Structures are given as structure tokens and as C-alpha cells.
Amino acid sequence: MILPINADSSAKAESAAATAQFMTGRFAIGAGRFLSWQAHKALLKAESATGKGKAASARGTILLFNDWGVPFDNDQALLAALSARGFYSAGYDWYRQGSRPQSGNKANRRQTGQNRYACRFNSKALGCFVQNVLLPDYPAPFYVLAQGLGGLFALTTQNILRSTVRRMVLVAVPMSIGRHRPNSLYHFGIKAASLLTCNTRKHKETGRNSLAYKANLLDHAAYILSGSYRKNMTLPCLLISAARDTKANIAQARLLAEKLRLVDNLIIPAASPALLQESAYQRHQFWAAFDAFIPGSDTSSANPVLEHAALL
């Protein structure tokens, strides 16, 4: 407030009171935002699934990306295997509507929101988690282990991860719906049908075979195969495919490895998409490839351990 030179003392007092009130309100707003942010950060930590390395000196931290429909804290055997190798592990429910199947009652159906937003990855939560939980609380270097649709999202968010993560191991990444590829007539038809049915209740919001699931999957796959993405891809990746995978097309996985630099492709025979829950024979092949790819920066596709795993 600007006062004239001859303003009386009462006006000055009024101005001082108004200024004090403004500053108090401003401080209160700032404090409220700070407390809200601290609460959000605490919630991220509380809801994360973590594991601690058993080695005397940690080899780093594995950031986990779960598949859609699979609870992020589901595989305790995986956390134990990473811990035995000296890795810390950190995971979160990256999907906006949760990854656990919803019950069929009306209250839960209302909470899931529109079908259009089903199966969406929360990239804002990823950025927040990396900057405020992963970096300050976990030992470097950082790596990614992703399964299924989580691998697709890990690839699409590499602009967030590339300044933090060194390498990524991606298991059974779906790049197509059966024989239907990205940017095909099927893809455009699915997108149109998904938009037309986004407000109907006949559609299963979180079903794996839903239109929204297929549309989002093909959208992300199309983005990864685009020329602009290939130019900016800087993270070395090991793409592991299962020979008995009926959802993640192996031919598309090979195409992805050919188009993207710094990507190695490994096919494990007689393995299903649930590779990490397979028999000891398939798990041994997976961990042999994992151990060969993760520890050192000099590992390449010519590594004899990788070749041995591919030929088993």
C-alpha cells in the first residue's frame, strides 16, 4: 500500500497491520505447502516396497517396475535374490489406479474413474520418487529391473531415468497385441473404440483385455519405435524374452533391439512370461544374464555368460 506524505498515524498503523496480515497469510500458505509436500514424501516412503542388500558393501540399488495387474510387493523371492547379491531394492505402485484387481462392487467401480484413464503409468510419481526417496535414501549406482508392461513404461520414461540409472533389465516387454503392431489399423480402431466407450460401465476398467489397456500399450510401443525416441535413447538395456510368451511378440522384441541402440536381446527357451517364477532351470538362465549385464560397464552382448545363457 502506497501512502501520501501527509498520512496520519492511524493510516500508517492500518498499513502496518495489513502488511503484517499479508505476510502472515503468505507464511501460512508456504508452511501449508511444505507440510503437504512432507506428508506426500512420507507417503511415498511408506508405500514403497524395499529390500536391503546383505553384502558388507552395497553393490547399488535396483528400481523395480511391476507388470500391470501384479502387486508391486508380490515377489518376495525376487527381493531376496537381489538382497543376496548385495543390491538394495525399491519399488512402488506406479499406476494411477493401482495394480491390484478391483472388486466388482459399485463403490470400487466409481473409484476407478473413467475407462479412458485405466492402465496409465504415473510418471509424476516416478520423478518424485527418484528425487526425494531413491537418491537421498538408497546407495548408488542405480539400475532398473522391469517386468511386462512395467518394462514398456521404463522405456518411455527414460528421460526421467537417464540422469540417475545406469542400466535396465527388461523382462517380457509387450510391443504388440498378438500380431497387431503399433500404428496399424487395429491400433487406430482400438483408440477410437476406447474413446467411445470411456464413459460406459459395460467395459471392465482394469481388465487385462480391455480396450484402454490395448490402446495404451500400443501408444507407448509406437512412441518407443518412433525416430525421435531412437535419437534420445541413451540407457543400455538388456531385453529378455520368454519363448512361450503369447503376449509379448518375440519378433517385435527383436525389432526393438535392432532399432534401438544400446539394447541387447536375449531369448530364454521354454520360459513363460512369469520368468522369475519359473523352474530353477529358467531362473538360472535369467540370473546368469542379469549378473553378466549389471555389474560392469564393459559388459556387452559378446559376453560369454550371456551367450551361454542364450544357448541353454
C-alpha atoms as a PDB file:
ATOM      1  CA  MET A   1       0.000   0.000   0.000  1.00  0.00           C
ATOM      2  CA  ILE A   2       1.436   3.449  -1.026  1.00  0.00           C
ATOM      3  CA  LEU A   3       0.622   6.271   1.428  1.00  0.00           C
ATOM      4  CA  PRO A   4       0.736  10.058   0.820  1.00  0.00           C
ATOM      5  CA  ILE A   5       3.441  12.044   2.614  1.00  0.00           C
ATOM      6  CA  ASN A   6       0.938  13.697   4.954  1.00  0.00           C
ATOM      7  CA  ALA A   7      -0.723  10.436   6.011  1.00  0.00           C
ATOM      8  CA  ASP A   8      -1.701  10.385   9.651  1.00  0.00           C
ATOM      9  CA  SER A   9      -0.577   7.838  12.213  1.00  0.00           C
ATOM     10  CA  SER A  10      -3.824   5.881  12.027  1.00  0.00           C
ATOM     11  CA  ALA A  11      -3.339   5.277   8.315  1.00  0.00           C
ATOM     12  CA  LYS A  12       0.228   4.164   8.958  1.00  0.00           C
ATOM     13  CA  ALA A  13      -0.957   1.791  11.641  1.00  0.00           C
ATOM     14  CA  GLU A  14      -3.593   0.410   9.290  1.00  0.00           C
ATOM     15  CA  SER A  15      -0.969  -0.116   6.589  1.00  0.00           C
ATOM     16  CA  ALA A  16       1.348  -1.904   9.005  1.00  0.00           C
ATOM     17  CA  ALA A  17      -1.474  -4.168  10.126  1.00  0.00           C
ATOM     18  CA  ALA A  18      -2.408  -5.002   6.535  1.00  0.00           C
ATOM     19  CA  THR A  19       1.230  -5.773   5.689  1.00  0.00           C
ATOM     20  CA  ALA A  20       1.580  -7.990   8.741  1.00  0.00           C
ATOM     21  CA  GLN A  21      -1.635  -9.812   7.870  1.00  0.00           C
ATOM     22  CA  PHE A  22      -0.463 -10.337   4.294  1.00  0.00           C
ATOM     23  CA  MET A  23       2.927 -11.669   5.392  1.00  0.00           C
ATOM     24  CA  THR A  24       1.306 -13.943   7.968  1.00  0.00           C
ATOM     25  CA  GLY A  25      -1.062 -15.361   5.366  1.00  0.00           C
ATOM     26  CA  ARG A  26       1.782 -15.818   2.903  1.00  0.00           C
ATOM     27  CA  PHE A  27       3.827 -17.666   5.509  1.00  0.00           C
ATOM     28  CA  ALA A  28       0.853 -19.831   6.394  1.00  0.00           C
ATOM     29  CA  ILE A  29       0.325 -20.769   2.747  1.00  0.00           C
ATOM     30  CA  GLY A  30       4.017 -21.602   2.357  1.00  0.00           C
ATOM     31  CA  ALA A  31       4.032 -23.654   5.540  1.00  0.00           C
ATOM     32  CA  GLY A  32       0.921 -25.498   4.401  1.00  0.00           C
ATOM     33  CA  ARG A  33       2.532 -26.388   1.094  1.00  0.00           C
ATOM     34  CA  PHE A  34       5.678 -27.531   2.896  1.00  0.00           C
ATOM     35  CA  LEU A  35       3.731 -29.729   5.295  1.00  0.00           C
ATOM     36  CA  SER A  36       1.676 -31.131   2.422  1.00  0.00           C
ATOM     37  CA  TRP A  37       4.851 -31.971   0.490  1.00  0.00           C
ATOM     38  CA  GLN A  38       6.451 -33.593   3.543  1.00  0.00           C
ATOM     39  CA  ALA A  39       3.317 -35.697   4.032  1.00  0.00           C
ATOM     40  CA  HIS A  40       3.397 -36.740   0.365  1.00  0.00           C
ATOM     41  CA  LYS A  41       7.068 -37.681   0.642  1.00  0.00           C
ATOM     42  CA  ALA A  42       6.383 -39.705   3.788  1.00  0.00           C
ATOM     43  CA  LEU A  43       3.527 -41.468   1.975  1.00  0.00           C
ATOM     44  CA  LEU A  44       5.826 -42.382  -0.911  1.00  0.00           C
ATOM     45  CA  LYS A  45       8.289 -43.920   1.530  1.00  0.00           C
ATOM     46  CA  ALA A  46       5.586 -45.740   3.475  1.00  0.00           C
ATOM     47  CA  GLU A  47       4.015 -47.269   0.353  1.00  0.00           C
ATOM     48  CA  SER A  48       7.259 -48.357  -1.291  1.00  0.00           C
ATOM     49  CA  ALA A  49       8.443 -51.965  -1.279  1.00  0.00           C
ATOM     50  CA  THR A  50      12.094 -52.132  -0.256  1.00  0.00           C
ATOM     51  CA  GLY A  51      14.822 -54.671   0.277  1.00  0.00           C
ATOM     52  CA  LYS A  52      18.268 -54.337   1.836  1.00  0.00           C
ATOM     53  CA  GLY A  53      21.462 -55.821   0.456  1.00  0.00           C
ATOM     54  CA  LYS A  54      23.138 -58.467   2.597  1.00  0.00           C
ATOM     55  CA  ALA A  55      26.682 -57.798   1.381  1.00  0.00           C
ATOM     56  CA  ALA A  56      29.080 -55.776   3.530  1.00  0.00           C
ATOM     57  CA  SER A  57      29.280 -53.072   0.866  1.00  0.00           C
ATOM     58  CA  ALA A  58      26.192 -52.479  -1.257  1.00  0.00           C
ATOM     59  CA  ARG A  59      26.562 -53.002  -4.992  1.00  0.00           C
ATOM     60  CA  GLY A  60      23.831 -50.484  -5.683  1.00  0.00           C
ATOM     61  CA  THR A  61      20.047 -50.259  -5.835  1.00  0.00           C
ATOM     62  CA  ILE A  62      17.571 -51.947  -8.168  1.00  0.00           C
ATOM     63  CA  LEU A  63      14.493 -49.874  -9.022  1.00  0.00           C
ATOM     64  CA  LEU A  64      11.596 -52.261  -9.680  1.00  0.00           C
ATOM     65  CA  PHE A  65       8.810 -51.749 -12.239  1.00  0.00           C
ATOM     66  CA  ASN A  66       5.970 -54.241 -11.800  1.00  0.00           C
ATOM     67  CA  ASP A  67       3.691 -55.527 -14.524  1.00  0.00           C
ATOM     68  CA  TRP A  68       0.123 -54.252 -14.768  1.00  0.00           C
ATOM     69  CA  GLY A  69      -2.180 -56.352 -12.633  1.00  0.00           C
ATOM     70  CA  VAL A  70       0.687 -57.701 -10.496  1.00  0.00           C
ATOM     71  CA  PRO A  71       1.141 -56.203  -6.998  1.00  0.00           C
ATOM     72  CA  PHE A  72       4.500 -54.446  -6.777  1.00  0.00           C
ATOM     73  CA  ASP A  73       5.330 -56.174  -3.492  1.00  0.00           C
ATOM     74  CA  ASN A  74       4.237 -59.592  -4.739  1.00  0.00           C
ATOM     75  CA  ASP A  75       7.552 -61.352  -5.361  1.00  0.00           C
ATOM     76  CA  GLN A  76       9.453 -61.769  -2.112  1.00  0.00           C
ATOM     77  CA  ALA A  77      11.745 -64.338  -3.755  1.00  0.00           C
ATOM     78  CA  LEU A  78      12.916 -61.661  -6.189  1.00  0.00           C
ATOM     79  CA  LEU A  79      13.706 -59.239  -3.369  1.00  0.00           C
ATOM     80  CA  ALA A  80      15.589 -61.996  -1.546  1.00  0.00           C
ATOM     81  CA  ALA A  81      17.629 -62.857  -4.652  1.00  0.00           C
ATOM     82  CA  LEU A  82      18.596 -59.213  -5.164  1.00  0.00           C
ATOM     83  CA  SER A  83      19.466 -58.871  -1.494  1.00  0.00           C
ATOM     84  CA  ALA A  84      21.708 -61.951  -1.637  1.00  0.00           C
ATOM     85  CA  ARG A  85      23.605 -60.289  -4.498  1.00  0.00           C
ATOM     86  CA  GLY A  86      24.230 -57.206  -2.379  1.00  0.00           C
ATOM     87  CA  PHE A  87      21.609 -54.972  -4.004  1.00  0.00           C
ATOM     88  CA  TYR A  88      19.109 -52.776  -2.275  1.00  0.00           C
ATOM     89  CA  SER A  89      15.722 -52.754  -3.999  1.00  0.00           C
ATOM     90  CA  ALA A  90      12.992 -50.148  -4.188  1.00  0.00           C
ATOM     91  CA  GLY A  91       9.578 -50.362  -5.821  1.00  0.00           C
ATOM     92  CA  TYR A  92       6.288 -48.516  -5.878  1.00  0.00           C
ATOM     93  CA  ASP A  93       2.796 -48.850  -7.317  1.00  0.00           C
ATOM     94  CA  TRP A  94       3.443 -46.702 -10.374  1.00  0.00           C
ATOM     95  CA  TYR A  95      -0.090 -46.968 -11.802  1.00  0.00           C
ATOM     96  CA  ARG A  96      -2.660 -44.310 -11.032  1.00  0.00           C
ATOM     97  CA  GLN A  97      -5.465 -46.748 -10.318  1.00  0.00           C
ATOM     98  CA  GLY A  98      -3.395 -49.355  -8.529  1.00  0.00           C
ATOM     99  CA  SER A  99      -2.182 -52.658  -9.849  1.00  0.00           C
ATOM    100  CA  ARG A 100      -4.393 -54.902  -7.737  1.00  0.00           C
ATOM    101  CA  PRO A 101      -7.600 -56.221  -9.343  1.00  0.00           C
ATOM    102  CA  GLN A 102     -10.652 -54.209  -8.328  1.00  0.00           C
ATOM    103  CA  SER A 103     -13.691 -55.892  -6.841  1.00  0.00           C
ATOM    104  CA  GLY A 104     -16.969 -55.727  -8.673  1.00  0.00           C
ATOM    105  CA  ASN A 105     -18.982 -53.585  -6.271  1.00  0.00           C
ATOM    106  CA  LYS A 106     -20.274 -50.201  -7.384  1.00  0.00           C
ATOM    107  CA  ALA A 107     -18.210 -48.184  -4.898  1.00  0.00           C
ATOM    108  CA  ASN A 108     -14.938 -49.543  -6.264  1.00  0.00           C
ATOM    109  CA  ARG A 109     -16.107 -49.115  -9.847  1.00  0.00           C
ATOM    110  CA  ARG A 110     -16.792 -45.453  -9.143  1.00  0.00           C
ATOM    111  CA  GLN A 111     -13.338 -45.035  -7.609  1.00  0.00           C
ATOM    112  CA  THR A 112     -11.603 -46.407 -10.683  1.00  0.00           C
ATOM    113  CA  GLY A 113     -12.727 -43.395 -12.716  1.00  0.00           C
ATOM    114  CA  GLN A 114     -13.260 -43.348 -16.433  1.00  0.00           C
ATOM    115  CA  ASN A 115     -12.141 -46.259 -18.547  1.00  0.00           C
ATOM    116  CA  ARG A 116     -10.065 -43.894 -20.617  1.00  0.00           C
ATOM    117  CA  TYR A 117      -7.557 -43.491 -17.785  1.00  0.00           C
ATOM    118  CA  ALA A 118      -7.168 -47.184 -16.973  1.00  0.00           C
ATOM    119  CA  CYS A 119      -3.674 -48.656 -17.154  1.00  0.00           C
ATOM    120  CA  ARG A 120      -1.898 -45.293 -17.046  1.00  0.00           C
ATOM    121  CA  PHE A 121       1.603 -45.037 -15.642  1.00  0.00           C
ATOM    122  CA  ASN A 122       2.112 -42.205 -13.151  1.00  0.00           C
ATOM    123  CA  SER A 123       5.304 -40.550 -14.421  1.00  0.00           C
ATOM    124  CA  LYS A 124       4.970 -37.712 -11.899  1.00  0.00           C
ATOM    125  CA  ALA A 125       5.151 -40.218  -9.058  1.00  0.00           C
ATOM    126  CA  LEU A 126       8.276 -41.698 -10.657  1.00  0.00           C
ATOM    127  CA  GLY A 127      10.037 -38.323 -10.808  1.00  0.00           C
ATOM    128  CA  CYS A 128       9.034 -37.549  -7.238  1.00  0.00           C
ATOM    129  CA  PHE A 129      10.144 -40.967  -6.018  1.00  0.00           C
ATOM    130  CA  VAL A 130      13.542 -40.751  -7.724  1.00  0.00           C
ATOM    131  CA  GLN A 131      14.379 -37.251  -6.490  1.00  0.00           C
ATOM    132  CA  ASN A 132      13.026 -37.481  -2.949  1.00  0.00           C
ATOM    133  CA  VAL A 133      13.236 -41.135  -1.955  1.00  0.00           C
ATOM    134  CA  LEU A 134      15.661 -43.043  -4.180  1.00  0.00           C
ATOM    135  CA  LEU A 135      18.547 -40.558  -4.429  1.00  0.00           C
ATOM    136  CA  PRO A 136      18.726 -39.455  -0.769  1.00  0.00           C
ATOM    137  CA  ASP A 137      17.954 -42.810   0.880  1.00  0.00           C
ATOM    138  CA  TYR A 138      19.493 -45.537  -1.301  1.00  0.00           C
ATOM    139  CA  PRO A 139      23.087 -46.319  -2.333  1.00  0.00           C
ATOM    140  CA  ALA A 140      24.281 -45.703  -5.892  1.00  0.00           C
ATOM    141  CA  PRO A 141      24.691 -46.889  -8.606  1.00  0.00           C
ATOM    142  CA  PHE A 142      21.077 -47.377  -9.671  1.00  0.00           C
ATOM    143  CA  TYR A 143      19.658 -49.953 -12.065  1.00  0.00           C
ATOM    144  CA  VAL A 144      16.163 -50.907 -13.262  1.00  0.00           C
ATOM    145  CA  LEU A 145      14.538 -54.340 -13.312  1.00  0.00           C
ATOM    146  CA  ALA A 146      11.142 -54.258 -15.030  1.00  0.00           C
ATOM    147  CA  GLN A 147       8.611 -56.926 -15.952  1.00  0.00           C
ATOM    148  CA  GLY A 148       5.887 -56.902 -18.590  1.00  0.00           C
ATOM    149  CA  LEU A 149       4.160 -53.580 -19.068  1.00  0.00           C
ATOM    150  CA  GLY A 150       6.480 -52.092 -16.448  1.00  0.00           C
ATOM    151  CA  GLY A 151       9.315 -52.516 -18.952  1.00  0.00           C
ATOM    152  CA  LEU A 152       7.370 -50.563 -21.546  1.00  0.00           C
ATOM    153  CA  PHE A 153       6.876 -47.707 -19.095  1.00  0.00           C
ATOM    154  CA  ALA A 154      10.533 -47.831 -18.030  1.00  0.00           C
ATOM    155  CA  LEU A 155      11.486 -47.278 -21.670  1.00  0.00           C
ATOM    156  CA  THR A 156       9.042 -44.411 -22.178  1.00  0.00           C
ATOM    157  CA  THR A 157      10.277 -42.600 -19.043  1.00  0.00           C
ATOM    158  CA  GLN A 158      13.977 -42.888 -19.827  1.00  0.00           C
ATOM    159  CA  ASN A 159      14.142 -39.062 -19.955  1.00  0.00           C
ATOM    160  CA  ILE A 160      13.491 -39.154 -16.183  1.00  0.00           C
ATOM    161  CA  LEU A 161      15.798 -42.098 -15.511  1.00  0.00           C
ATOM    162  CA  ARG A 162      18.815 -41.446 -17.728  1.00  0.00           C
ATOM    163  CA  SER A 163      20.481 -38.981 -15.357  1.00  0.00           C
ATOM    164  CA  THR A 164      20.177 -41.464 -12.468  1.00  0.00           C
ATOM    165  CA  VAL A 165      20.020 -45.032 -13.783  1.00  0.00           C
ATOM    166  CA  ARG A 166      22.961 -46.782 -15.445  1.00  0.00           C
ATOM    167  CA  ARG A 167      21.351 -49.862 -16.981  1.00  0.00           C
ATOM    168  CA  MET A 168      17.970 -51.558 -17.333  1.00  0.00           C
ATOM    169  CA  VAL A 169      16.975 -55.223 -17.460  1.00  0.00           C
ATOM    170  CA  LEU A 170      13.541 -55.626 -19.074  1.00  0.00           C
ATOM    171  CA  VAL A 171      11.663 -58.936 -18.943  1.00  0.00           C
ATOM    172  CA  ALA A 172       8.885 -59.915 -21.387  1.00  0.00           C
ATOM    173  CA  VAL A 173       8.104 -56.412 -22.658  1.00  0.00           C
ATOM    174  CA  PRO A 174       4.922 -56.426 -24.817  1.00  0.00           C
ATOM    175  CA  MET A 175       5.428 -54.408 -28.002  1.00  0.00           C
ATOM    176  CA  SER A 176       2.271 -55.554 -29.776  1.00  0.00           C
ATOM    177  CA  ILE A 177      -1.139 -57.139 -29.192  1.00  0.00           C
ATOM    178  CA  GLY A 178      -0.694 -60.563 -30.737  1.00  0.00           C
ATOM    179  CA  ARG A 179       0.157 -59.876 -34.376  1.00  0.00           C
ATOM    180  CA  HIS A 180      -1.221 -56.348 -34.261  1.00  0.00           C
ATOM    181  CA  ARG A 181       1.596 -53.826 -34.363  1.00  0.00           C
ATOM    182  CA  PRO A 182       1.697 -50.154 -33.325  1.00  0.00           C
ATOM    183  CA  ASN A 183       0.322 -47.634 -35.850  1.00  0.00           C
ATOM    184  CA  SER A 184      -1.700 -50.330 -37.591  1.00  0.00           C
ATOM    185  CA  LEU A 185      -5.386 -50.133 -38.498  1.00  0.00           C
ATOM    186  CA  TYR A 186      -6.086 -52.250 -35.430  1.00  0.00           C
ATOM    187  CA  HIS A 187      -4.261 -49.703 -33.257  1.00  0.00           C
ATOM    188  CA  PHE A 188      -6.282 -46.770 -34.575  1.00  0.00           C
ATOM    189  CA  GLY A 189      -9.517 -48.736 -34.273  1.00  0.00           C
ATOM    190  CA  ILE A 190      -8.744 -49.636 -30.658  1.00  0.00           C
ATOM    191  CA  LYS A 191      -8.022 -45.982 -29.826  1.00  0.00           C
ATOM    192  CA  ALA A 192     -11.312 -44.862 -31.333  1.00  0.00           C
ATOM    193  CA  ALA A 193     -13.264 -47.593 -29.557  1.00  0.00           C
ATOM    194  CA  SER A 194     -11.554 -46.762 -26.259  1.00  0.00           C
ATOM    195  CA  LEU A 195     -12.598 -43.113 -26.525  1.00  0.00           C
ATOM    196  CA  LEU A 196     -16.167 -44.015 -27.463  1.00  0.00           C
ATOM    197  CA  THR A 197     -16.588 -46.400 -24.523  1.00  0.00           C
ATOM    198  CA  CYS A 198     -14.711 -44.399 -21.874  1.00  0.00           C
ATOM    199  CA  ASN A 199     -17.932 -43.450 -20.062  1.00  0.00           C
ATOM    200  CA  THR A 200     -19.746 -46.749 -20.303  1.00  0.00           C
ATOM    201  CA  ARG A 201     -19.990 -49.141 -17.375  1.00  0.00           C
ATOM    202  CA  LYS A 202     -20.224 -52.225 -19.554  1.00  0.00           C
ATOM    203  CA  HIS A 203     -16.473 -52.117 -20.009  1.00  0.00           C
ATOM    204  CA  LYS A 204     -14.081 -53.573 -17.420  1.00  0.00           C
ATOM    205  CA  GLU A 205     -11.943 -50.676 -16.251  1.00  0.00           C
ATOM    206  CA  THR A 206      -8.960 -52.705 -15.091  1.00  0.00           C
ATOM    207  CA  GLY A 207      -9.318 -55.845 -17.195  1.00  0.00           C
ATOM    208  CA  ARG A 208      -6.169 -57.018 -18.958  1.00  0.00           C
ATOM    209  CA  ASN A 209      -8.092 -57.418 -22.208  1.00  0.00           C
ATOM    210  CA  SER A 210      -9.752 -54.005 -22.005  1.00  0.00           C
ATOM    211  CA  LEU A 211      -9.662 -51.528 -24.857  1.00  0.00           C
ATOM    212  CA  ALA A 212      -7.880 -48.989 -22.673  1.00  0.00           C
ATOM    213  CA  TYR A 213      -5.133 -51.472 -21.848  1.00  0.00           C
ATOM    214  CA  LYS A 214      -4.577 -52.304 -25.518  1.00  0.00           C
ATOM    215  CA  ALA A 215      -4.704 -48.677 -26.647  1.00  0.00           C
ATOM    216  CA  ASN A 216      -2.215 -47.502 -24.025  1.00  0.00           C
ATOM    217  CA  LEU A 217       0.134 -50.393 -24.725  1.00  0.00           C
ATOM    218  CA  LEU A 218       0.195 -49.712 -28.461  1.00  0.00           C
ATOM    219  CA  ASP A 219       0.527 -45.952 -27.902  1.00  0.00           C
ATOM    220  CA  HIS A 220       3.649 -46.442 -25.791  1.00  0.00           C
ATOM    221  CA  ALA A 221       5.083 -49.014 -28.198  1.00  0.00           C
ATOM    222  CA  ALA A 222       4.571 -46.621 -31.117  1.00  0.00           C
ATOM    223  CA  TYR A 223       6.380 -43.874 -29.222  1.00  0.00           C
ATOM    224  CA  ILE A 224       9.342 -46.147 -28.445  1.00  0.00           C
ATOM    225  CA  LEU A 225       9.679 -47.181 -32.100  1.00  0.00           C
ATOM    226  CA  SER A 226       9.496 -43.578 -33.349  1.00  0.00           C
ATOM    227  CA  GLY A 227      12.538 -41.828 -34.786  1.00  0.00           C
ATOM    228  CA  SER A 228      12.565 -39.067 -32.180  1.00  0.00           C
ATOM    229  CA  TYR A 229      12.759 -41.623 -29.371  1.00  0.00           C
ATOM    230  CA  ARG A 230      15.598 -43.547 -31.007  1.00  0.00           C
ATOM    231  CA  LYS A 231      17.720 -40.408 -31.222  1.00  0.00           C
ATOM    232  CA  ASN A 232      17.368 -39.694 -27.498  1.00  0.00           C
ATOM    233  CA  MET A 233      17.716 -43.255 -26.194  1.00  0.00           C
ATOM    234  CA  THR A 234      20.890 -43.369 -24.080  1.00  0.00           C
ATOM    235  CA  LEU A 235      20.291 -46.101 -21.476  1.00  0.00           C
ATOM    236  CA  PRO A 236      21.858 -49.529 -22.099  1.00  0.00           C
ATOM    237  CA  CYS A 237      19.166 -52.220 -21.853  1.00  0.00           C
ATOM    238  CA  LEU A 238      19.025 -55.993 -21.770  1.00  0.00           C
ATOM    239  CA  LEU A 239      15.725 -57.178 -23.231  1.00  0.00           C
ATOM    240  CA  ILE A 240      14.872 -60.715 -22.066  1.00  0.00           C
ATOM    241  CA  SER A 241      12.076 -62.563 -23.853  1.00  0.00           C
ATOM    242  CA  ALA A 242      10.399 -65.853 -22.983  1.00  0.00           C
ATOM    243  CA  ALA A 243       9.992 -68.383 -25.783  1.00  0.00           C
ATOM    244  CA  ARG A 244       6.475 -69.358 -24.629  1.00  0.00           C
ATOM    245  CA  ASP A 245       5.258 -65.789 -24.320  1.00  0.00           C
ATOM    246  CA  THR A 246       1.984 -65.370 -26.198  1.00  0.00           C
ATOM    247  CA  LYS A 247       1.545 -61.676 -25.333  1.00  0.00           C
ATOM    248  CA  ALA A 248       4.984 -60.175 -25.890  1.00  0.00           C
ATOM    249  CA  ASN A 249       5.760 -60.883 -29.551  1.00  0.00           C
ATOM    250  CA  ILE A 250       9.362 -62.116 -29.843  1.00  0.00           C
ATOM    251  CA  ALA A 251       9.654 -60.744 -33.382  1.00  0.00           C
ATOM    252  CA  GLN A 252       8.718 -57.299 -32.090  1.00  0.00           C
ATOM    253  CA  ALA A 253      11.307 -57.633 -29.323  1.00  0.00           C
ATOM    254  CA  ARG A 254      13.963 -58.368 -31.942  1.00  0.00           C
ATOM    255  CA  LEU A 255      12.793 -55.392 -33.978  1.00  0.00           C
ATOM    256  CA  LEU A 256      13.085 -53.189 -30.901  1.00  0.00           C
ATOM    257  CA  ALA A 257      16.630 -54.421 -30.253  1.00  0.00           C
ATOM    258  CA  GLU A 258      17.563 -53.743 -33.879  1.00  0.00           C
ATOM    259  CA  LYS A 259      16.128 -50.238 -33.952  1.00  0.00           C
ATOM    260  CA  LEU A 260      17.308 -49.010 -30.556  1.00  0.00           C
ATOM    261  CA  ARG A 261      20.993 -48.596 -29.906  1.00  0.00           C
ATOM    262  CA  LEU A 262      22.455 -49.939 -26.655  1.00  0.00           C
ATOM    263  CA  VAL A 263      19.819 -52.696 -26.495  1.00  0.00           C
ATOM    264  CA  ASP A 264      20.724 -56.405 -26.309  1.00  0.00           C
ATOM    265  CA  ASN A 265      18.105 -59.087 -26.862  1.00  0.00           C
ATOM    266  CA  LEU A 266      18.127 -62.474 -25.127  1.00  0.00           C
ATOM    267  CA  ILE A 267      15.548 -65.242 -25.636  1.00  0.00           C
ATOM    268  CA  ILE A 268      15.263 -67.931 -22.959  1.00  0.00           C
ATOM    269  CA  PRO A 269      13.784 -71.139 -24.425  1.00  0.00           C
ATOM    270  CA  ALA A 270      10.884 -72.948 -22.761  1.00  0.00           C
ATOM    271  CA  ALA A 271      10.179 -69.999 -20.464  1.00  0.00           C
ATOM    272  CA  SER A 272       6.842 -68.292 -19.861  1.00  0.00           C
ATOM    273  CA  PRO A 273       6.273 -64.553 -19.213  1.00  0.00           C
ATOM    274  CA  ALA A 274       6.367 -65.310 -15.473  1.00  0.00           C
ATOM    275  CA  LEU A 275      10.065 -65.925 -15.932  1.00  0.00           C
ATOM    276  CA  LEU A 276      11.083 -65.101 -12.380  1.00  0.00           C
ATOM    277  CA  GLN A 277       8.551 -67.612 -11.020  1.00  0.00           C
ATOM    278  CA  GLU A 278       9.648 -70.389 -13.401  1.00  0.00           C
ATOM    279  CA  SER A 279      11.631 -73.514 -12.535  1.00  0.00           C
ATOM    280  CA  ALA A 280      15.206 -73.322 -11.278  1.00  0.00           C
ATOM    281  CA  TYR A 281      16.431 -74.044 -14.824  1.00  0.00           C
ATOM    282  CA  GLN A 282      14.890 -70.874 -16.315  1.00  0.00           C
ATOM    283  CA  ARG A 283      15.697 -68.758 -13.271  1.00  0.00           C
ATOM    284  CA  HIS A 284      19.344 -69.788 -13.530  1.00  0.00           C
ATOM    285  CA  GLN A 285      19.446 -68.543 -17.120  1.00  0.00           C
ATOM    286  CA  PHE A 286      17.863 -65.260 -16.129  1.00  0.00           C
ATOM    287  CA  TRP A 287      20.230 -64.602 -13.229  1.00  0.00           C
ATOM    288  CA  ALA A 288      23.256 -65.570 -15.334  1.00  0.00           C
ATOM    289  CA  ALA A 289      22.274 -62.895 -17.844  1.00  0.00           C
ATOM    290  CA  PHE A 290      21.446 -60.414 -15.075  1.00  0.00           C
ATOM    291  CA  ASP A 291      24.814 -60.895 -13.350  1.00  0.00           C
ATOM    292  CA  ALA A 292      26.674 -60.539 -16.634  1.00  0.00           C
ATOM    293  CA  PHE A 293      24.906 -57.353 -17.660  1.00  0.00           C
ATOM    294  CA  ILE A 294      24.555 -55.363 -14.444  1.00  0.00           C
ATOM    295  CA  PRO A 295      27.908 -55.228 -12.597  1.00  0.00           C
ATOM    296  CA  GLY A 296      30.357 -53.606 -15.037  1.00  0.00           C
ATOM    297  CA  SER A 297      30.223 -51.016 -17.797  1.00  0.00           C
ATOM    298  CA  ASP A 298      32.429 -53.217 -20.036  1.00  0.00           C
ATOM    299  CA  THR A 299      29.739 -55.918 -20.419  1.00  0.00           C
ATOM    300  CA  SER A 300      28.471 -56.383 -23.960  1.00  0.00           C
ATOM    301  CA  SER A 301      26.345 -58.781 -25.952  1.00  0.00           C
ATOM    302  CA  ALA A 302      29.519 -60.741 -26.730  1.00  0.00           C
ATOM    303  CA  ASN A 303      29.939 -61.666 -23.079  1.00  0.00           C
ATOM    304  CA  PRO A 304      30.359 -65.479 -22.859  1.00  0.00           C
ATOM    305  CA  VAL A 305      27.946 -65.699 -19.930  1.00  0.00           C
ATOM    306  CA  LEU A 306      25.236 -64.030 -21.995  1.00  0.00           C
ATOM    307  CA  GLU A 307      25.956 -66.311 -24.943  1.00  0.00           C
ATOM    308  CA  HIS A 308      25.841 -69.363 -22.686  1.00  0.00           C
ATOM    309  CA  ALA A 309      22.501 -68.270 -21.235  1.00  0.00           C
ATOM    310  CA  ALA A 310      21.082 -67.715 -24.718  1.00  0.00           C
ATOM    311  CA  LEU A 311      22.099 -71.179 -25.888  1.00  0.00           C
ATOM    312  CA  LEU A 312      20.797 -73.124 -22.880  1.00  0.00           C
END
